[in-house]
Amino acid sequence: MMTNKVVSFFSFGLFLLLVGAVSKFFNWSQANLVMAIGLVFELLAALLFAWKKANNK
């Protein structure tokens, strides 16, 4: 069962990845940083999801 926190981290990570990918087309110098932060949020969401699954057993 996914909690609101996991869904929020996942959604925000996807948003940052999308913004980073679009800004790459406009040669924005911070595009790689935004994409990296998005990946961190995706990883955090995956870890929280796995932690919740492991603790439920």
N, C-alpha and C. Protein backbone atom coordinates (compact mmCIF):
# COMPACT_ATOMS: atom_id res chain seq x y z
N MET A 1 0.84 -1.18 0.00
CA MET A 1 0.00 0.00 0.00
C MET A 1 0.89 1.24 0.00
N MET A 2 0.66 2.11 -0.96
CA MET A 2 1.48 3.31 -1.07
C MET A 2 0.87 4.43 -0.23
N THR A 3 1.72 5.08 0.53
CA THR A 3 1.26 6.19 1.34
C THR A 3 1.32 7.48 0.54
N ASN A 4 0.75 8.52 1.10
CA ASN A 4 0.76 9.82 0.42
C ASN A 4 2.17 10.36 0.29
N LYS A 5 3.04 10.07 1.26
CA LYS A 5 4.42 10.56 1.21
C LYS A 5 5.17 9.93 0.04
N VAL A 6 4.97 8.64 -0.17
CA VAL A 6 5.65 7.96 -1.28
C VAL A 6 5.16 8.50 -2.61
N VAL A 7 3.85 8.68 -2.72
CA VAL A 7 3.28 9.21 -3.97
C VAL A 7 3.77 10.63 -4.21
N SER A 8 3.88 11.43 -3.16
CA SER A 8 4.36 12.81 -3.31
C SER A 8 5.81 12.84 -3.78
N PHE A 9 6.67 12.03 -3.17
CA PHE A 9 8.07 11.98 -3.60
C PHE A 9 8.18 11.50 -5.03
N PHE A 10 7.40 10.49 -5.38
CA PHE A 10 7.44 9.95 -6.74
C PHE A 10 6.97 11.00 -7.75
N SER A 11 5.87 11.67 -7.44
CA SER A 11 5.33 12.68 -8.36
C SER A 11 6.28 13.86 -8.53
N PHE A 12 6.85 14.33 -7.41
CA PHE A 12 7.77 15.45 -7.50
C PHE A 12 9.04 15.06 -8.26
N GLY A 13 9.50 13.83 -8.07
CA GLY A 13 10.66 13.35 -8.81
C GLY A 13 10.40 13.30 -10.30
N LEU A 14 9.21 12.81 -10.68
CA LEU A 14 8.86 12.79 -12.10
C LEU A 14 8.77 14.20 -12.67
N PHE A 15 8.20 15.11 -11.89
CA PHE A 15 8.11 16.50 -12.34
C PHE A 15 9.50 17.09 -12.57
N LEU A 16 10.41 16.86 -11.64
CA LEU A 16 11.77 17.39 -11.80
C LEU A 16 12.49 16.76 -12.99
N LEU A 17 12.28 15.47 -13.22
CA LEU A 17 12.88 14.83 -14.38
C LEU A 17 12.33 15.42 -15.67
N LEU A 18 11.04 15.67 -15.70
CA LEU A 18 10.42 16.26 -16.88
C LEU A 18 10.94 17.67 -17.12
N VAL A 19 11.02 18.49 -16.08
CA VAL A 19 11.54 19.85 -16.21
C VAL A 19 13.00 19.82 -16.66
N GLY A 20 13.78 18.90 -16.11
CA GLY A 20 15.18 18.78 -16.52
C GLY A 20 15.34 18.38 -17.96
N ALA A 21 14.48 17.45 -18.41
CA ALA A 21 14.57 17.00 -19.80
C ALA A 21 14.16 18.11 -20.76
N VAL A 22 13.13 18.85 -20.42
CA VAL A 22 12.71 19.96 -21.29
C VAL A 22 13.75 21.07 -21.29
N SER A 23 14.34 21.35 -20.13
CA SER A 23 15.33 22.42 -20.07
C SER A 23 16.62 22.05 -20.78
N LYS A 24 16.87 20.76 -20.97
CA LYS A 24 18.04 20.33 -21.76
C LYS A 24 17.92 20.81 -23.20
N PHE A 25 16.68 20.83 -23.72
CA PHE A 25 16.47 21.28 -25.09
C PHE A 25 16.73 22.78 -25.25
N PHE A 26 16.58 23.54 -24.16
CA PHE A 26 16.80 24.97 -24.20
C PHE A 26 18.19 25.35 -23.70
N ASN A 27 19.05 24.36 -23.53
CA ASN A 27 20.44 24.56 -23.11
C ASN A 27 20.56 25.34 -21.80
N TRP A 28 19.69 25.02 -20.86
CA TRP A 28 19.75 25.62 -19.53
C TRP A 28 20.90 24.98 -18.77
N SER A 29 21.75 25.78 -18.14
CA SER A 29 22.95 25.25 -17.51
C SER A 29 22.66 24.39 -16.29
N GLN A 30 21.50 24.55 -15.67
CA GLN A 30 21.16 23.80 -14.45
C GLN A 30 20.34 22.54 -14.74
N ALA A 31 20.19 22.16 -16.00
CA ALA A 31 19.33 21.03 -16.36
C ALA A 31 19.80 19.72 -15.73
N ASN A 32 21.10 19.48 -15.73
CA ASN A 32 21.62 18.23 -15.16
C ASN A 32 21.38 18.17 -13.66
N LEU A 33 21.51 19.30 -12.99
CA LEU A 33 21.27 19.36 -11.55
C LEU A 33 19.80 19.05 -11.23
N VAL A 34 18.90 19.62 -11.99
CA VAL A 34 17.47 19.38 -11.77
C VAL A 34 17.14 17.91 -12.00
N MET A 35 17.71 17.33 -13.04
CA MET A 35 17.46 15.91 -13.31
C MET A 35 18.05 15.04 -12.21
N ALA A 36 19.21 15.40 -11.69
CA ALA A 36 19.82 14.62 -10.61
C ALA A 36 18.99 14.69 -9.34
N ILE A 37 18.46 15.86 -9.03
CA ILE A 37 17.60 15.98 -7.85
C ILE A 37 16.32 15.16 -8.06
N GLY A 38 15.79 15.15 -9.27
CA GLY A 38 14.63 14.32 -9.58
C GLY A 38 14.91 12.85 -9.37
N LEU A 39 16.09 12.41 -9.77
CA LEU A 39 16.47 11.01 -9.55
C LEU A 39 16.60 10.68 -8.07
N VAL A 40 17.09 11.63 -7.29
CA VAL A 40 17.19 11.43 -5.85
C VAL A 40 15.80 11.25 -5.24
N PHE A 41 14.85 12.07 -5.67
CA PHE A 41 13.48 11.93 -5.16
C PHE A 41 12.87 10.60 -5.59
N GLU A 42 13.15 10.14 -6.80
CA GLU A 42 12.65 8.84 -7.25
C GLU A 42 13.25 7.72 -6.41
N LEU A 43 14.54 7.81 -6.13
CA LEU A 43 15.20 6.80 -5.31
C LEU A 43 14.65 6.80 -3.89
N LEU A 44 14.41 7.98 -3.35
CA LEU A 44 13.83 8.09 -2.01
C LEU A 44 12.44 7.47 -1.96
N ALA A 45 11.63 7.70 -2.98
CA ALA A 45 10.30 7.11 -3.03
C ALA A 45 10.39 5.59 -3.10
N ALA A 46 11.33 5.08 -3.89
CA ALA A 46 11.49 3.62 -3.99
C ALA A 46 11.95 3.03 -2.67
N LEU A 47 12.87 3.71 -1.99
CA LEU A 47 13.34 3.21 -0.69
C LEU A 47 12.23 3.23 0.36
N LEU A 48 11.44 4.30 0.38
CA LEU A 48 10.33 4.36 1.33
C LEU A 48 9.30 3.27 1.05
N PHE A 49 9.03 3.03 -0.23
CA PHE A 49 8.09 1.98 -0.60
C PHE A 49 8.60 0.61 -0.16
N ALA A 50 9.88 0.36 -0.41
CA ALA A 50 10.47 -0.93 -0.02
C ALA A 50 10.50 -1.09 1.50
N TRP A 51 10.78 0.01 2.22
CA TRP A 51 10.83 -0.03 3.67
C TRP A 51 9.45 -0.35 4.24
N LYS A 52 8.40 0.26 3.69
CA LYS A 52 7.04 0.00 4.15
C LYS A 52 6.66 -1.46 3.87
N LYS A 53 7.04 -1.97 2.69
CA LYS A 53 6.74 -3.37 2.35
C LYS A 53 7.47 -4.33 3.28
N ALA A 54 8.73 -4.02 3.61
CA ALA A 54 9.52 -4.91 4.47
C ALA A 54 9.00 -4.91 5.90
N ASN A 55 8.52 -3.78 6.36
CA ASN A 55 8.02 -3.70 7.73
C ASN A 55 6.63 -4.29 7.91
N ASN A 56 5.88 -4.47 6.83
CA ASN A 56 4.54 -5.03 6.94
C ASN A 56 4.56 -6.54 7.11
N LYS A 57 5.68 -7.18 6.84
CA LYS A 57 5.74 -8.65 6.94
C LYS A 57 6.12 -9.11 8.29
